[in-house]
Amino acid sequence: MFYEDCEVVPWHKYVWHKHFSLRYSIFSWFAFMNGLKTADALAMRGIPATPICVFCKAENETKNHLFFECDFTFNILKHCLPRMNYMLLRPNLWQVYFDMEASESDLNRKSFGFLLISAIVYYTWRARNDRIFGNNIECLTTITSKIKKAVYLKTFKKKCFQSSQLWFT
């Protein structure tokens, strides 16, 4: 087999779940594999980049800062997943997925949660790039609205997700 020598990673079920969206899952996969070109990753490759986070302008941009040590991106997460308001410490990306897996027993709600988290990663990365390359600065409300609308449009015709969409009300 072509893939028989590949190791199984513990986070594969978060990214490649039953109802995954390829666009969103690829960005979560990149994030887990340290493949996103954050400022620190570019610096390690010898590519000059502004090290300061484009959202908070207070800390250096790293994967962990972007997902979700940054105040701005953590607020995106909290607006889309209100359960994050009850976390005692700021979670990283792995912990957000793990919390969803541990707290949801229903497979469809779990799948919906994984899809939502992947969409948060995708739209956060997109908002970051829009600020850097497009000089387009969107507010928290605009970004969270885009995330919620995109996930709703991906799931509204699927009966298995009807109860999960109540998260958005």
Protein backbone atom coordinates (compact mmCIF):
# COMPACT_ATOMS: atom_id res chain seq x y z
CA MET A 1 0.00 0.00 0.00
CA PHE A 2 1.05 3.57 -0.65
CA TYR A 3 0.37 4.83 2.90
CA GLU A 4 1.34 1.81 4.98
CA ASP A 5 4.58 3.39 6.26
CA CYS A 6 2.83 6.53 7.53
CA GLU A 7 2.32 6.89 11.25
CA VAL A 8 -1.18 7.42 12.58
CA VAL A 9 -1.46 10.80 14.28
CA PRO A 10 -3.80 11.22 17.26
CA TRP A 11 -5.52 14.29 15.81
CA HIS A 12 -6.62 12.76 12.50
CA LYS A 13 -10.17 12.15 13.79
CA TYR A 14 -10.55 15.88 14.52
CA VAL A 15 -9.60 16.95 11.02
CA TRP A 16 -10.89 14.09 8.84
CA HIS A 17 -14.20 13.32 10.56
CA LYS A 18 -17.35 12.01 8.85
CA HIS A 19 -18.70 15.38 7.70
CA PHE A 20 -15.44 17.24 7.07
CA SER A 21 -15.13 20.09 4.60
CA LEU A 22 -11.94 19.75 2.57
CA ARG A 23 -11.26 23.51 2.52
CA TYR A 24 -11.45 23.84 6.31
CA SER A 25 -9.83 20.51 7.17
CA ILE A 26 -6.75 21.23 5.07
CA PHE A 27 -6.04 24.37 7.10
CA SER A 28 -6.49 22.50 10.39
CA TRP A 29 -4.17 19.80 9.06
CA PHE A 30 -1.60 22.47 8.14
CA ALA A 31 -1.94 23.97 11.62
CA PHE A 32 -1.34 20.61 13.33
CA MET A 33 1.61 19.89 11.02
CA ASN A 34 3.13 23.36 11.59
CA GLY A 35 2.65 24.01 7.88
CA LEU A 36 1.02 27.43 8.14
CA LYS A 37 3.46 30.19 7.23
CA THR A 38 3.25 32.18 10.47
CA ALA A 39 5.84 34.89 11.13
CA ASP A 40 7.97 32.58 13.29
CA ALA A 41 7.86 29.79 10.67
CA LEU A 42 8.94 32.23 7.96
CA ALA A 43 11.79 33.52 10.15
CA MET A 44 13.02 29.95 10.67
CA ARG A 45 13.23 29.63 6.87
CA GLY A 46 15.18 32.87 6.60
CA ILE A 47 12.27 34.79 5.09
CA PRO A 48 11.86 38.25 6.61
CA ALA A 49 8.41 38.95 8.00
CA THR A 50 6.92 41.32 10.55
CA PRO A 51 6.94 39.24 13.75
CA ILE A 52 4.09 41.06 15.53
CA CYS A 53 0.59 39.55 15.47
CA VAL A 54 -1.66 41.48 13.07
CA PHE A 55 -4.67 41.02 15.35
CA CYS A 56 -3.49 42.09 18.81
CA LYS A 57 -0.26 43.90 17.85
CA ALA A 58 1.13 42.92 21.26
CA GLU A 59 2.85 39.54 20.85
CA ASN A 60 4.94 37.75 18.25
CA GLU A 61 2.95 35.65 15.81
CA THR A 62 3.31 31.91 16.32
CA LYS A 63 0.89 29.10 15.62
CA ASN A 64 0.01 28.83 19.30
CA HIS A 65 -0.44 32.57 19.63
CA LEU A 66 -2.67 32.69 16.56
CA PHE A 67 -4.71 29.68 17.78
CA PHE A 68 -5.80 30.91 20.54
CA GLU A 69 -3.41 32.76 22.85
CA CYS A 70 -4.19 36.03 21.04
CA ASP A 71 -7.04 38.01 22.66
CA PHE A 72 -8.67 38.71 19.29
CA THR A 73 -8.65 35.12 18.02
CA PHE A 74 -9.70 33.77 21.41
CA ASN A 75 -12.72 36.09 21.22
CA ILE A 76 -13.54 34.65 17.78
CA LEU A 77 -13.45 31.20 19.35
CA LYS A 78 -15.64 32.28 22.29
CA HIS A 79 -18.23 33.90 20.00
CA CYS A 80 -18.53 30.74 17.91
CA LEU A 81 -18.16 28.26 20.77
CA PRO A 82 -19.57 29.85 23.95
CA ARG A 83 -18.43 26.83 25.99
CA MET A 84 -14.89 28.26 25.75
CA ASN A 85 -15.93 31.04 28.15
CA TYR A 86 -15.69 28.46 30.93
CA MET A 87 -12.10 27.40 30.25
CA LEU A 88 -9.83 28.34 33.15
CA LEU A 89 -6.80 28.78 30.88
CA ARG A 90 -6.49 29.70 27.22
CA PRO A 91 -6.65 26.52 25.16
CA ASN A 92 -4.44 25.79 22.20
CA LEU A 93 -5.83 24.26 19.00
CA TRP A 94 -5.29 20.70 20.19
CA GLN A 95 -7.11 21.40 23.47
CA VAL A 96 -10.09 22.98 21.71
CA TYR A 97 -10.58 19.87 19.58
CA PHE A 98 -9.99 17.59 22.56
CA ASP A 99 -12.54 19.49 24.66
CA MET A 100 -15.11 19.03 21.88
CA GLU A 101 -14.39 15.31 21.71
CA ALA A 102 -14.51 14.84 25.49
CA SER A 103 -17.65 16.87 26.14
CA GLU A 104 -19.89 15.66 23.31
CA SER A 105 -21.19 12.10 23.36
CA ASP A 106 -23.41 12.45 20.27
CA LEU A 107 -21.33 11.71 17.16
CA ASN A 108 -23.22 14.19 14.98
CA ARG A 109 -22.77 17.04 17.47
CA LYS A 110 -19.10 16.09 17.78
CA SER A 111 -18.74 16.13 13.99
CA PHE A 112 -20.50 19.50 13.83
CA GLY A 113 -18.13 20.85 16.50
CA PHE A 114 -15.06 19.60 14.62
CA LEU A 115 -16.37 21.23 11.44
CA LEU A 116 -16.96 24.49 13.30
CA ILE A 117 -13.45 24.50 14.81
CA SER A 118 -11.91 23.82 11.40
CA ALA A 119 -13.94 26.70 9.95
CA ILE A 120 -12.67 28.96 12.76
CA VAL A 121 -9.08 28.02 11.83
CA TYR A 122 -9.73 28.67 8.14
CA TYR A 123 -11.45 32.04 8.59
CA THR A 124 -8.94 33.20 11.21
CA TRP A 125 -6.10 32.43 8.81
CA ARG A 126 -7.95 34.14 5.99
CA ALA A 127 -8.60 37.26 8.11
CA ARG A 128 -4.91 37.31 9.02
CA ASN A 129 -3.88 37.17 5.37
CA ASP A 130 -6.47 39.80 4.40
CA ARG A 131 -4.91 42.16 6.94
CA ILE A 132 -1.36 41.49 5.76
CA PHE A 133 -1.77 41.27 2.00
CA GLY A 134 -5.08 42.96 1.24
CA ASN A 135 -5.07 45.76 3.79
CA ASN A 136 -8.61 44.62 4.62
CA ILE A 137 -9.27 44.78 8.36
CA GLU A 138 -12.44 43.00 9.44
CA CYS A 139 -13.85 43.31 12.93
CA LEU A 140 -14.62 40.42 15.25
CA THR A 141 -18.34 40.52 14.44
CA THR A 142 -17.73 40.28 10.69
CA ILE A 143 -15.36 37.33 11.02
CA THR A 144 -17.63 35.40 13.39
CA SER A 145 -20.63 36.10 11.14
CA LYS A 146 -18.73 34.67 8.17
CA ILE A 147 -17.83 31.54 10.16
CA LYS A 148 -21.37 30.96 11.40
CA LYS A 149 -22.89 31.57 7.96
CA ALA A 150 -20.42 29.24 6.25
CA VAL A 151 -20.99 26.41 8.74
CA TYR A 152 -24.75 26.92 8.60
CA LEU A 153 -24.72 26.73 4.78
CA LYS A 154 -22.62 23.54 4.94
CA THR A 155 -25.00 21.86 7.39
CA PHE A 156 -28.54 23.26 7.14
CA LYS A 157 -29.84 20.55 4.78
CA LYS A 158 -28.42 17.70 6.84
CA LYS A 159 -30.94 16.37 9.36
CA CYS A 160 -28.20 15.01 11.58
CA PHE A 161 -27.04 18.59 12.32
CA GLN A 162 -30.38 20.26 13.06
CA SER A 163 -29.96 20.16 16.84
CA SER A 164 -26.33 21.28 16.60
CA GLN A 165 -27.28 24.46 14.77
CA LEU A 166 -28.89 25.69 18.00
CA TRP A 167 -25.33 26.67 19.02
CA PHE A 168 -25.78 29.66 16.72
CA THR A 169 -28.92 31.04 18.34
